Amino acid sequence: MRRLGIDIDTTKAFTSPVYKIELSLVGRLLSQDPELYGSILQQNPFVPAVLAACRDSVCDLQEIIAEGDQDKFVRFFNDNTRHFGDYCAEGMEATDALIEYLVHK
C-alpha cells in the first residue's frame, strides 16, 4: 500500500468487515517493536524459504490475473483451500465473531 501511495484513511470508507480485520492486523504488527521483529525474522532459518514461497505464489497469481484465466484462478484458490482443510471452517467461525462485533460496534 505504501509503494502504491494508497492513503489508509481513504480506503476505510470502502471497507468490508474482512478488510477491517486485515487492516487492523497489519496495523497491530506495525505498532510493534521493529527491532524485535527484525531479530525474529533474521534469526529464523526458515524465513528465506517462506519468503521465496510467498514471492512465487504472488508471481503465479499475477500471471493468472494477467491471463484473465478464471478456471486457473479457481484451481489456484481450491488448491489453497484443500491445503487449509478443516481450518477453513474454524477460521470462518472465528472471523464471523469478529465481523459480528465490527458490524454492531
PDB file of N, CA and C in Angstrom:
ATOM      1  N   MET A   1       0.829  -1.184   0.000  1.00  0.00           N
ATOM      2  CA  MET A   1       0.000   0.000   0.000  1.00  0.00           C
ATOM      3  C   MET A   1       0.874   1.249   0.000  1.00  0.00           C
ATOM      4  N   ARG A   2       1.968   1.184   0.764  1.00  0.00           N
ATOM      5  CA  ARG A   2       2.897   2.317   0.798  1.00  0.00           C
ATOM      6  C   ARG A   2       3.478   2.553  -0.589  1.00  0.00           C
ATOM      7  N   ARG A   3       3.891   1.484  -1.246  1.00  0.00           N
ATOM      8  CA  ARG A   3       4.509   1.637  -2.576  1.00  0.00           C
ATOM      9  C   ARG A   3       3.530   2.135  -3.627  1.00  0.00           C
ATOM     10  N   LEU A   4       2.257   1.877  -3.423  1.00  0.00           N
ATOM     11  CA  LEU A   4       1.237   2.355  -4.353  1.00  0.00           C
ATOM     12  C   LEU A   4       0.730   3.747  -3.977  1.00  0.00           C
ATOM     13  N   GLY A   5       1.180   4.248  -2.841  1.00  0.00           N
ATOM     14  CA  GLY A   5       0.747   5.569  -2.401  1.00  0.00           C
ATOM     15  C   GLY A   5      -0.701   5.605  -1.952  1.00  0.00           C
ATOM     16  N   ILE A   6      -1.184   4.482  -1.454  1.00  0.00           N
ATOM     17  CA  ILE A   6      -2.583   4.393  -1.028  1.00  0.00           C
ATOM     18  C   ILE A   6      -2.734   4.973   0.371  1.00  0.00           C
ATOM     19  N   ASP A   7      -3.660   5.905   0.510  1.00  0.00           N
ATOM     20  CA  ASP A   7      -3.937   6.507   1.809  1.00  0.00           C
ATOM     21  C   ASP A   7      -4.866   5.578   2.593  1.00  0.00           C
ATOM     22  N   ILE A   8      -4.405   5.145   3.744  1.00  0.00           N
ATOM     23  CA  ILE A   8      -5.166   4.193   4.555  1.00  0.00           C
ATOM     24  C   ILE A   8      -6.533   4.761   4.940  1.00  0.00           C
ATOM     25  N   ASP A   9      -6.568   6.006   5.380  1.00  0.00           N
ATOM     26  CA  ASP A   9      -7.845   6.599   5.794  1.00  0.00           C
ATOM     27  C   ASP A   9      -8.853   6.636   4.651  1.00  0.00           C
ATOM     28  N   THR A  10      -8.388   6.887   3.443  1.00  0.00           N
ATOM     29  CA  THR A  10      -9.283   6.907   2.288  1.00  0.00           C
ATOM     30  C   THR A  10      -9.898   5.534   2.052  1.00  0.00           C
ATOM     31  N   THR A  11      -9.106   4.478   2.228  1.00  0.00           N
ATOM     32  CA  THR A  11      -9.624   3.131   1.979  1.00  0.00           C
ATOM     33  C   THR A  11     -10.680   2.722   2.995  1.00  0.00           C
ATOM     34  N   LYS A  12     -10.633   3.308   4.180  1.00  0.00           N
ATOM     35  CA  LYS A  12     -11.584   2.911   5.228  1.00  0.00           C
ATOM     36  C   LYS A  12     -13.031   3.217   4.846  1.00  0.00           C
ATOM     37  N   ALA A  13     -13.242   4.158   3.956  1.00  0.00           N
ATOM     38  CA  ALA A  13     -14.597   4.480   3.518  1.00  0.00           C
ATOM     39  C   ALA A  13     -15.202   3.370   2.661  1.00  0.00           C
ATOM     40  N   PHE A  14     -14.370   2.487   2.142  1.00  0.00           N
ATOM     41  CA  PHE A  14     -14.836   1.437   1.236  1.00  0.00           C
ATOM     42  C   PHE A  14     -14.595   0.035   1.793  1.00  0.00           C
ATOM     43  N   THR A  15     -14.449  -0.071   3.099  1.00  0.00           N
ATOM     44  CA  THR A  15     -14.024  -1.336   3.674  1.00  0.00           C
ATOM     45  C   THR A  15     -15.165  -2.303   3.921  1.00  0.00           C
ATOM     46  N   SER A  16     -14.816  -3.569   3.759  1.00  0.00           N
ATOM     47  CA  SER A  16     -15.691  -4.648   4.197  1.00  0.00           C
ATOM     48  C   SER A  16     -15.223  -5.026   5.599  1.00  0.00           C
ATOM     49  N   PRO A  17     -16.024  -5.771   6.340  1.00  0.00           N
ATOM     50  CA  PRO A  17     -15.566  -6.213   7.660  1.00  0.00           C
ATOM     51  C   PRO A  17     -14.267  -7.021   7.599  1.00  0.00           C
ATOM     52  N   VAL A  18     -14.104  -7.847   6.585  1.00  0.00           N
ATOM     53  CA  VAL A  18     -12.883  -8.646   6.466  1.00  0.00           C
ATOM     54  C   VAL A  18     -11.682  -7.739   6.218  1.00  0.00           C
ATOM     55  N   TYR A  19     -11.853  -6.719   5.379  1.00  0.00           N
ATOM     56  CA  TYR A  19     -10.762  -5.781   5.139  1.00  0.00           C
ATOM     57  C   TYR A  19     -10.385  -5.054   6.431  1.00  0.00           C
ATOM     58  N   LYS A  20     -11.377  -4.685   7.230  1.00  0.00           N
ATOM     59  CA  LYS A  20     -11.094  -4.028   8.511  1.00  0.00           C
ATOM     60  C   LYS A  20     -10.253  -4.932   9.409  1.00  0.00           C
ATOM     61  N   ILE A  21     -10.569  -6.216   9.424  1.00  0.00           N
ATOM     62  CA  ILE A  21      -9.803  -7.171  10.231  1.00  0.00           C
ATOM     63  C   ILE A  21      -8.374  -7.254   9.712  1.00  0.00           C
ATOM     64  N   GLU A  22      -8.219  -7.385   8.400  1.00  0.00           N
ATOM     65  CA  GLU A  22      -6.878  -7.470   7.804  1.00  0.00           C
ATOM     66  C   GLU A  22      -6.079  -6.201   8.085  1.00  0.00           C
ATOM     67  N   LEU A  23      -6.705  -5.057   7.891  1.00  0.00           N
ATOM     68  CA  LEU A  23      -6.047  -3.775   8.120  1.00  0.00           C
ATOM     69  C   LEU A  23      -5.653  -3.625   9.592  1.00  0.00           C
ATOM     70  N   SER A  24      -6.526  -4.061  10.477  1.00  0.00           N
ATOM     71  CA  SER A  24      -6.229  -4.000  11.912  1.00  0.00           C
ATOM     72  C   SER A  24      -5.044  -4.882  12.271  1.00  0.00           C
ATOM     73  N   LEU A  25      -4.964  -6.067  11.671  1.00  0.00           N
ATOM     74  CA  LEU A  25      -3.833  -6.958  11.943  1.00  0.00           C
ATOM     75  C   LEU A  25      -2.525  -6.341  11.464  1.00  0.00           C
ATOM     76  N   VAL A  26      -2.551  -5.733  10.297  1.00  0.00           N
ATOM     77  CA  VAL A  26      -1.344  -5.074   9.788  1.00  0.00           C
ATOM     78  C   VAL A  26      -0.968  -3.906  10.699  1.00  0.00           C
ATOM     79  N   GLY A  27      -1.955  -3.110  11.085  1.00  0.00           N
ATOM     80  CA  GLY A  27      -1.692  -2.001  11.994  1.00  0.00           C
ATOM     81  C   GLY A  27      -1.116  -2.479  13.320  1.00  0.00           C
ATOM     82  N   ARG A  28      -1.641  -3.582  13.816  1.00  0.00           N
ATOM     83  CA  ARG A  28      -1.134  -4.146  15.072  1.00  0.00           C
ATOM     84  C   ARG A  28       0.321  -4.570  14.918  1.00  0.00           C
ATOM     85  N   LEU A  29       0.627  -5.275  13.835  1.00  0.00           N
ATOM     86  CA  LEU A  29       2.007  -5.712  13.600  1.00  0.00           C
ATOM     87  C   LEU A  29       2.950  -4.518  13.491  1.00  0.00           C
ATOM     88  N   LEU A  30       2.529  -3.502  12.746  1.00  0.00           N
ATOM     89  CA  LEU A  30       3.391  -2.350  12.536  1.00  0.00           C
ATOM     90  C   LEU A  30       3.507  -1.454  13.765  1.00  0.00           C
ATOM     91  N   SER A  31       2.680  -1.694  14.771  1.00  0.00           N
ATOM     92  CA  SER A  31       2.768  -0.949  16.026  1.00  0.00           C
ATOM     93  C   SER A  31       3.757  -1.589  16.997  1.00  0.00           C
ATOM     94  N   GLN A  32       4.276  -2.738  16.627  1.00  0.00           N
ATOM     95  CA  GLN A  32       5.193  -3.468  17.496  1.00  0.00           C
ATOM     96  C   GLN A  32       6.626  -2.976  17.300  1.00  0.00           C
ATOM     97  N   ASP A  33       7.519  -3.511  18.076  1.00  0.00           N
ATOM     98  CA  ASP A  33       8.930  -3.144  18.055  1.00  0.00           C
ATOM     99  C   ASP A  33       9.624  -3.717  16.813  1.00  0.00           C
ATOM    100  N   PRO A  34      10.082  -2.867  15.890  1.00  0.00           N
ATOM    101  CA  PRO A  34      10.739  -3.371  14.683  1.00  0.00           C
ATOM    102  C   PRO A  34      12.041  -4.114  14.986  1.00  0.00           C
ATOM    103  N   GLU A  35      12.717  -3.737  16.060  1.00  0.00           N
ATOM    104  CA  GLU A  35      13.953  -4.439  16.430  1.00  0.00           C
ATOM    105  C   GLU A  35      13.649  -5.896  16.776  1.00  0.00           C
ATOM    106  N   LEU A  36      12.570  -6.112  17.514  1.00  0.00           N
ATOM    107  CA  LEU A  36      12.181  -7.472  17.888  1.00  0.00           C
ATOM    108  C   LEU A  36      11.801  -8.280  16.652  1.00  0.00           C
ATOM    109  N   TYR A  37      10.934  -7.712  15.798  1.00  0.00           N
ATOM    110  CA  TYR A  37      10.511  -8.432  14.600  1.00  0.00           C
ATOM    111  C   TYR A  37      11.689  -8.691  13.664  1.00  0.00           C
ATOM    112  N   GLY A  38      12.561  -7.711  13.546  1.00  0.00           N
ATOM    113  CA  GLY A  38      13.746  -7.895  12.705  1.00  0.00           C
ATOM    114  C   GLY A  38      14.607  -9.028  13.206  1.00  0.00           C
ATOM    115  N   SER A  39      14.824  -9.081  14.504  1.00  0.00           N
ATOM    116  CA  SER A  39      15.626 -10.158  15.092  1.00  0.00           C
ATOM    117  C   SER A  39      14.975 -11.519  14.870  1.00  0.00           C
ATOM    118  N   ILE A  40      13.676 -11.579  15.106  1.00  0.00           N
ATOM    119  CA  ILE A  40      12.960 -12.847  14.918  1.00  0.00           C
ATOM    120  C   ILE A  40      13.093 -13.326  13.469  1.00  0.00           C
ATOM    121  N   LEU A  41      12.839 -12.426  12.532  1.00  0.00           N
ATOM    122  CA  LEU A  41      12.884 -12.805  11.112  1.00  0.00           C
ATOM    123  C   LEU A  41      14.300 -13.156  10.654  1.00  0.00           C
ATOM    124  N   GLN A  42      15.265 -12.385  11.091  1.00  0.00           N
ATOM    125  CA  GLN A  42      16.634 -12.599  10.617  1.00  0.00           C
ATOM    126  C   GLN A  42      17.299 -13.805  11.256  1.00  0.00           C
ATOM    127  N   GLN A  43      16.829 -14.215  12.422  1.00  0.00           N
ATOM    128  CA  GLN A  43      17.437 -15.363  13.085  1.00  0.00           C
ATOM    129  C   GLN A  43      16.718 -16.677  12.794  1.00  0.00           C
ATOM    130  N   ASN A  44      15.572 -16.592  12.157  1.00  0.00           N
ATOM    131  CA  ASN A  44      14.810 -17.807  11.835  1.00  0.00           C
ATOM    132  C   ASN A  44      15.312 -18.363  10.501  1.00  0.00           C
ATOM    133  N   PRO A  45      15.903 -19.548  10.504  1.00  0.00           N
ATOM    134  CA  PRO A  45      16.472 -20.096   9.271  1.00  0.00           C
ATOM    135  C   PRO A  45      15.429 -20.463   8.210  1.00  0.00           C
ATOM    136  N   PHE A  46      14.151 -20.515   8.595  1.00  0.00           N
ATOM    137  CA  PHE A  46      13.100 -20.885   7.644  1.00  0.00           C
ATOM    138  C   PHE A  46      12.539 -19.686   6.882  1.00  0.00           C
ATOM    139  N   VAL A  47      12.824 -18.486   7.339  1.00  0.00           N
ATOM    140  CA  VAL A  47      12.244 -17.289   6.734  1.00  0.00           C
ATOM    141  C   VAL A  47      12.605 -17.127   5.252  1.00  0.00           C
ATOM    142  N   PRO A  48      13.857 -17.312   4.834  1.00  0.00           N
ATOM    143  CA  PRO A  48      14.143 -17.150   3.399  1.00  0.00           C
ATOM    144  C   PRO A  48      13.302 -18.061   2.502  1.00  0.00           C
ATOM    145  N   ALA A  49      13.109 -19.305   2.906  1.00  0.00           N
ATOM    146  CA  ALA A  49      12.299 -20.228   2.102  1.00  0.00           C
ATOM    147  C   ALA A  49      10.830 -19.811   2.094  1.00  0.00           C
ATOM    148  N   VAL A  50      10.346 -19.328   3.226  1.00  0.00           N
ATOM    149  CA  VAL A  50       8.953 -18.875   3.302  1.00  0.00           C
ATOM    150  C   VAL A  50       8.752 -17.648   2.411  1.00  0.00           C
ATOM    151  N   LEU A  51       9.684 -16.707   2.464  1.00  0.00           N
ATOM    152  CA  LEU A  51       9.578 -15.518   1.620  1.00  0.00           C
ATOM    153  C   LEU A  51       9.652 -15.883   0.131  1.00  0.00           C
ATOM    154  N   ALA A  52      10.504 -16.830  -0.206  1.00  0.00           N
ATOM    155  CA  ALA A  52      10.598 -17.278  -1.602  1.00  0.00           C
ATOM    156  C   ALA A  52       9.287 -17.930  -2.050  1.00  0.00           C
ATOM    157  N   ALA A  53       8.680 -18.726  -1.169  1.00  0.00           N
ATOM    158  CA  ALA A  53       7.400 -19.359  -1.498  1.00  0.00           C
ATOM    159  C   ALA A  53       6.313 -18.301  -1.675  1.00  0.00           C
ATOM    160  N   CYS A  54       6.322 -17.279  -0.820  1.00  0.00           N
ATOM    161  CA  CYS A  54       5.348 -16.187  -0.959  1.00  0.00           C
ATOM    162  C   CYS A  54       5.541 -15.455  -2.283  1.00  0.00           C
ATOM    163  N   ARG A  55       6.798 -15.154  -2.609  1.00  0.00           N
ATOM    164  CA  ARG A  55       7.103 -14.472  -3.868  1.00  0.00           C
ATOM    165  C   ARG A  55       6.616 -15.317  -5.049  1.00  0.00           C
ATOM    166  N   ASP A  56       6.881 -16.616  -5.012  1.00  0.00           N
ATOM    167  CA  ASP A  56       6.459 -17.494  -6.104  1.00  0.00           C
ATOM    168  C   ASP A  56       4.940 -17.549  -6.233  1.00  0.00           C
ATOM    169  N   SER A  57       4.244 -17.580  -5.094  1.00  0.00           N
ATOM    170  CA  SER A  57       2.778 -17.598  -5.130  1.00  0.00           C
ATOM    171  C   SER A  57       2.228 -16.309  -5.707  1.00  0.00           C
ATOM    172  N   VAL A  58       2.827 -15.180  -5.318  1.00  0.00           N
ATOM    173  CA  VAL A  58       2.386 -13.892  -5.862  1.00  0.00           C
ATOM    174  C   VAL A  58       2.628 -13.857  -7.371  1.00  0.00           C
ATOM    175  N   CYS A  59       3.767 -14.371  -7.805  1.00  0.00           N
ATOM    176  CA  CYS A  59       4.060 -14.410  -9.255  1.00  0.00           C
ATOM    177  C   CYS A  59       3.055 -15.287  -9.986  1.00  0.00           C
ATOM    178  N   ASP A  60       2.720 -16.440  -9.401  1.00  0.00           N
ATOM    179  CA  ASP A  60       1.713 -17.319 -10.010  1.00  0.00           C
ATOM    180  C   ASP A  60       0.375 -16.597 -10.117  1.00  0.00           C
ATOM    181  N   LEU A  61      -0.030 -15.948  -9.033  1.00  0.00           N
ATOM    182  CA  LEU A  61      -1.302 -15.236  -9.033  1.00  0.00           C
ATOM    183  C   LEU A  61      -1.284 -14.075 -10.019  1.00  0.00           C
ATOM    184  N   GLN A  62      -0.165 -13.362 -10.093  1.00  0.00           N
ATOM    185  CA  GLN A  62      -0.045 -12.251 -11.037  1.00  0.00           C
ATOM    186  C   GLN A  62      -0.218 -12.757 -12.476  1.00  0.00           C
ATOM    187  N   GLU A  63       0.378 -13.889 -12.772  1.00  0.00           N
ATOM    188  CA  GLU A  63       0.257 -14.470 -14.113  1.00  0.00           C
ATOM    189  C   GLU A  63      -1.183 -14.885 -14.407  1.00  0.00           C
ATOM    190  N   ILE A  64      -1.838 -15.509 -13.439  1.00  0.00           N
ATOM    191  CA  ILE A  64      -3.236 -15.928 -13.612  1.00  0.00           C
ATOM    192  C   ILE A  64      -4.121 -14.715 -13.875  1.00  0.00           C
ATOM    193  N   ILE A  65      -3.928 -13.656 -13.098  1.00  0.00           N
ATOM    194  CA  ILE A  65      -4.740 -12.446 -13.263  1.00  0.00           C
ATOM    195  C   ILE A  65      -4.456 -11.788 -14.614  1.00  0.00           C
ATOM    196  N   ALA A  66      -3.177 -11.721 -14.987  1.00  0.00           N
ATOM    197  CA  ALA A  66      -2.811 -11.116 -16.270  1.00  0.00           C
ATOM    198  C   ALA A  66      -3.430 -11.881 -17.447  1.00  0.00           C
ATOM    199  N   GLU A  67      -3.503 -13.194 -17.311  1.00  0.00           N
ATOM    200  CA  GLU A  67      -4.101 -14.026 -18.369  1.00  0.00           C
ATOM    201  C   GLU A  67      -5.621 -13.933 -18.368  1.00  0.00           C
ATOM    202  N   GLY A  68      -6.198 -13.523 -17.244  1.00  0.00           N
ATOM    203  CA  GLY A  68      -7.662 -13.480 -17.137  1.00  0.00           C
ATOM    204  C   GLY A  68      -8.271 -14.864 -17.150  1.00  0.00           C
ATOM    205  N   ASP A  69      -7.526 -15.837 -16.655  1.00  0.00           N
ATOM    206  CA  ASP A  69      -7.958 -17.235 -16.702  1.00  0.00           C
ATOM    207  C   ASP A  69      -8.705 -17.607 -15.419  1.00  0.00           C
ATOM    208  N   GLN A  70     -10.022 -17.505 -15.473  1.00  0.00           N
ATOM    209  CA  GLN A  70     -10.853 -17.780 -14.304  1.00  0.00           C
ATOM    210  C   GLN A  70     -10.707 -19.233 -13.834  1.00  0.00           C
ATOM    211  N   ASP A  71     -10.648 -20.175 -14.764  1.00  0.00           N
ATOM    212  CA  ASP A  71     -10.508 -21.583 -14.378  1.00  0.00           C
ATOM    213  C   ASP A  71      -9.195 -21.823 -13.629  1.00  0.00           C
ATOM    214  N   LYS A  72      -8.129 -21.196 -14.093  1.00  0.00           N
ATOM    215  CA  LYS A  72      -6.828 -21.328 -13.430  1.00  0.00           C
ATOM    216  C   LYS A  72      -6.873 -20.704 -12.040  1.00  0.00           C
ATOM    217  N   PHE A  73      -7.582 -19.571 -11.922  1.00  0.00           N
ATOM    218  CA  PHE A  73      -7.723 -18.948 -10.607  1.00  0.00           C
ATOM    219  C   PHE A  73      -8.482 -19.868  -9.656  1.00  0.00           C
ATOM    220  N   VAL A  74      -9.555 -20.458 -10.142  1.00  0.00           N
ATOM    221  CA  VAL A  74     -10.346 -21.366  -9.300  1.00  0.00           C
ATOM    222  C   VAL A  74      -9.485 -22.534  -8.831  1.00  0.00           C
ATOM    223  N   ARG A  75      -8.652 -23.087  -9.706  1.00  0.00           N
ATOM    224  CA  ARG A  75      -7.752 -24.181  -9.304  1.00  0.00           C
ATOM    225  C   ARG A  75      -6.755 -23.693  -8.252  1.00  0.00           C
ATOM    226  N   PHE A  76      -6.177 -22.524  -8.471  1.00  0.00           N
ATOM    227  CA  PHE A  76      -5.234 -21.931  -7.517  1.00  0.00           C
ATOM    228  C   PHE A  76      -5.908 -21.760  -6.151  1.00  0.00           C
ATOM    229  N   PHE A  77      -7.094 -21.194  -6.157  1.00  0.00           N
ATOM    230  CA  PHE A  77      -7.856 -20.956  -4.933  1.00  0.00           C
ATOM    231  C   PHE A  77      -8.189 -22.275  -4.243  1.00  0.00           C
ATOM    232  N   ASN A  78      -8.711 -23.233  -4.998  1.00  0.00           N
ATOM    233  CA  ASN A  78      -9.101 -24.526  -4.431  1.00  0.00           C
ATOM    234  C   ASN A  78      -7.912 -25.315  -3.902  1.00  0.00           C
ATOM    235  N   ASP A  79      -6.755 -25.208  -4.554  1.00  0.00           N
ATOM    236  CA  ASP A  79      -5.550 -25.874  -4.041  1.00  0.00           C
ATOM    237  C   ASP A  79      -5.226 -25.368  -2.640  1.00  0.00           C
ATOM    238  N   ASN A  80      -5.340 -24.054  -2.456  1.00  0.00           N
ATOM    239  CA  ASN A  80      -5.075 -23.470  -1.145  1.00  0.00           C
ATOM    240  C   ASN A  80      -6.155 -23.845  -0.132  1.00  0.00           C
ATOM    241  N   THR A  81      -7.393 -23.888  -0.576  1.00  0.00           N
ATOM    242  CA  THR A  81      -8.489 -24.294   0.303  1.00  0.00           C
ATOM    243  C   THR A  81      -8.279 -25.724   0.786  1.00  0.00           C
ATOM    244  N   ARG A  82      -7.899 -26.618  -0.122  1.00  0.00           N
ATOM    245  CA  ARG A  82      -7.634 -28.018   0.273  1.00  0.00           C
ATOM    246  C   ARG A  82      -6.491 -28.094   1.276  1.00  0.00           C
ATOM    247  N   HIS A  83      -5.459 -27.294   1.072  1.00  0.00           N
ATOM    248  CA  HIS A  83      -4.329 -27.326   1.993  1.00  0.00           C
ATOM    249  C   HIS A  83      -4.754 -26.897   3.400  1.00  0.00           C
ATOM    250  N   PHE A  84      -5.593 -25.881   3.499  1.00  0.00           N
ATOM    251  CA  PHE A  84      -6.058 -25.415   4.806  1.00  0.00           C
ATOM    252  C   PHE A  84      -7.070 -26.368   5.428  1.00  0.00           C
ATOM    253  N   GLY A  85      -7.744 -27.152   4.592  1.00  0.00           N
ATOM    254  CA  GLY A  85      -8.642 -28.197   5.079  1.00  0.00           C
ATOM    255  C   GLY A  85      -9.680 -27.701   6.066  1.00  0.00           C
ATOM    256  N   ASP A  86      -9.795 -28.442   7.177  1.00  0.00           N
ATOM    257  CA  ASP A  86     -10.811 -28.142   8.185  1.00  0.00           C
ATOM    258  C   ASP A  86     -10.604 -26.784   8.854  1.00  0.00           C
ATOM    259  N   TYR A  87      -9.392 -26.250   8.764  1.00  0.00           N
ATOM    260  CA  TYR A  87      -9.147 -24.955   9.390  1.00  0.00           C
ATOM    261  C   TYR A  87      -9.966 -23.842   8.734  1.00  0.00           C
ATOM    262  N   CYS A  88     -10.369 -24.036   7.487  1.00  0.00           N
ATOM    263  CA  CYS A  88     -11.195 -23.014   6.820  1.00  0.00           C
ATOM    264  C   CYS A  88     -12.467 -22.758   7.621  1.00  0.00           C
ATOM    265  N   ALA A  89     -13.120 -23.829   8.083  1.00  0.00           N
ATOM    266  CA  ALA A  89     -14.347 -23.674   8.864  1.00  0.00           C
ATOM    267  C   ALA A  89     -14.052 -23.001  10.201  1.00  0.00           C
ATOM    268  N   GLU A  90     -12.940 -23.374  10.823  1.00  0.00           N
ATOM    269  CA  GLU A  90     -12.547 -22.765  12.094  1.00  0.00           C
ATOM    270  C   GLU A  90     -12.261 -21.274  11.914  1.00  0.00           C
ATOM    271  N   GLY A  91     -11.548 -20.941  10.850  1.00  0.00           N
ATOM    272  CA  GLY A  91     -11.250 -19.543  10.557  1.00  0.00           C
ATOM    273  C   GLY A  91     -12.513 -18.748  10.257  1.00  0.00           C
ATOM    274  N   MET A  92     -13.436 -19.372   9.555  1.00  0.00           N
ATOM    275  CA  MET A  92     -14.703 -18.709   9.238  1.00  0.00           C
ATOM    276  C   MET A  92     -15.473 -18.427  10.524  1.00  0.00           C
ATOM    277  N   GLU A  93     -15.499 -19.384  11.420  1.00  0.00           N
ATOM    278  CA  GLU A  93     -16.210 -19.204  12.692  1.00  0.00           C
ATOM    279  C   GLU A  93     -15.581 -18.078  13.524  1.00  0.00           C
ATOM    280  N   ALA A  94     -14.267 -18.072  13.609  1.00  0.00           N
ATOM    281  CA  ALA A  94     -13.577 -17.043  14.398  1.00  0.00           C
ATOM    282  C   ALA A  94     -13.797 -15.660  13.806  1.00  0.00           C
ATOM    283  N   THR A  95     -13.700 -15.548  12.496  1.00  0.00           N
ATOM    284  CA  THR A  95     -13.861 -14.229  11.889  1.00  0.00           C
ATOM    285  C   THR A  95     -15.325 -13.808  11.843  1.00  0.00           C
ATOM    286  N   ASP A  96     -16.251 -14.766  11.820  1.00  0.00           N
ATOM    287  CA  ASP A  96     -17.670 -14.403  11.911  1.00  0.00           C
ATOM    288  C   ASP A  96     -17.929 -13.636  13.206  1.00  0.00           C
ATOM    289  N   ALA A  97     -17.312 -14.101  14.297  1.00  0.00           N
ATOM    290  CA  ALA A  97     -17.483 -13.421  15.580  1.00  0.00           C
ATOM    291  C   ALA A  97     -16.892 -12.014  15.528  1.00  0.00           C
ATOM    292  N   LEU A  98     -15.718 -11.870  14.894  1.00  0.00           N
ATOM    293  CA  LEU A  98     -15.108 -10.547  14.760  1.00  0.00           C
ATOM    294  C   LEU A  98     -15.955  -9.635  13.881  1.00  0.00           C
ATOM    295  N   ILE A  99     -16.469 -10.181  12.798  1.00  0.00           N
ATOM    296  CA  ILE A  99     -17.299  -9.391  11.893  1.00  0.00           C
ATOM    297  C   ILE A  99     -18.565  -8.945  12.602  1.00  0.00           C
ATOM    298  N   GLU A 100     -19.169  -9.858  13.332  1.00  0.00           N
ATOM    299  CA  GLU A 100     -20.386  -9.522  14.087  1.00  0.00           C
ATOM    300  C   GLU A 100     -20.106  -8.358  15.041  1.00  0.00           C
ATOM    301  N   TYR A 101     -18.967  -8.416  15.712  1.00  0.00           N
ATOM    302  CA  TYR A 101     -18.576  -7.343  16.624  1.00  0.00           C
ATOM    303  C   TYR A 101     -18.379  -6.022  15.864  1.00  0.00           C
ATOM    304  N   LEU A 102     -17.664  -6.070  14.736  1.00  0.00           N
ATOM    305  CA  LEU A 102     -17.396  -4.854  13.976  1.00  0.00           C
ATOM    306  C   LEU A 102     -18.662  -4.230  13.405  1.00  0.00           C
ATOM    307  N   VAL A 103     -19.582  -5.061  12.967  1.00  0.00           N
ATOM    308  CA  VAL A 103     -20.813  -4.564  12.357  1.00  0.00           C
ATOM    309  C   VAL A 103     -21.710  -3.886  13.384  1.00  0.00           C
ATOM    310  N   HIS A 104     -21.703  -4.415  14.587  1.00  0.00           N
ATOM    311  CA  HIS A 104     -22.608  -3.883  15.629  1.00  0.00           C
ATOM    312  C   HIS A 104     -21.917  -2.985  16.626  1.00  0.00           C
ATOM    313  N   LYS A 105     -20.691  -2.603  16.330  1.00  0.00           N
ATOM    314  CA  LYS A 105     -19.905  -1.743  17.214  1.00  0.00           C
ATOM    315  C   LYS A 105     -20.381  -0.320  17.164  1.00  0.00           C
TER     316      LYS A 105
END
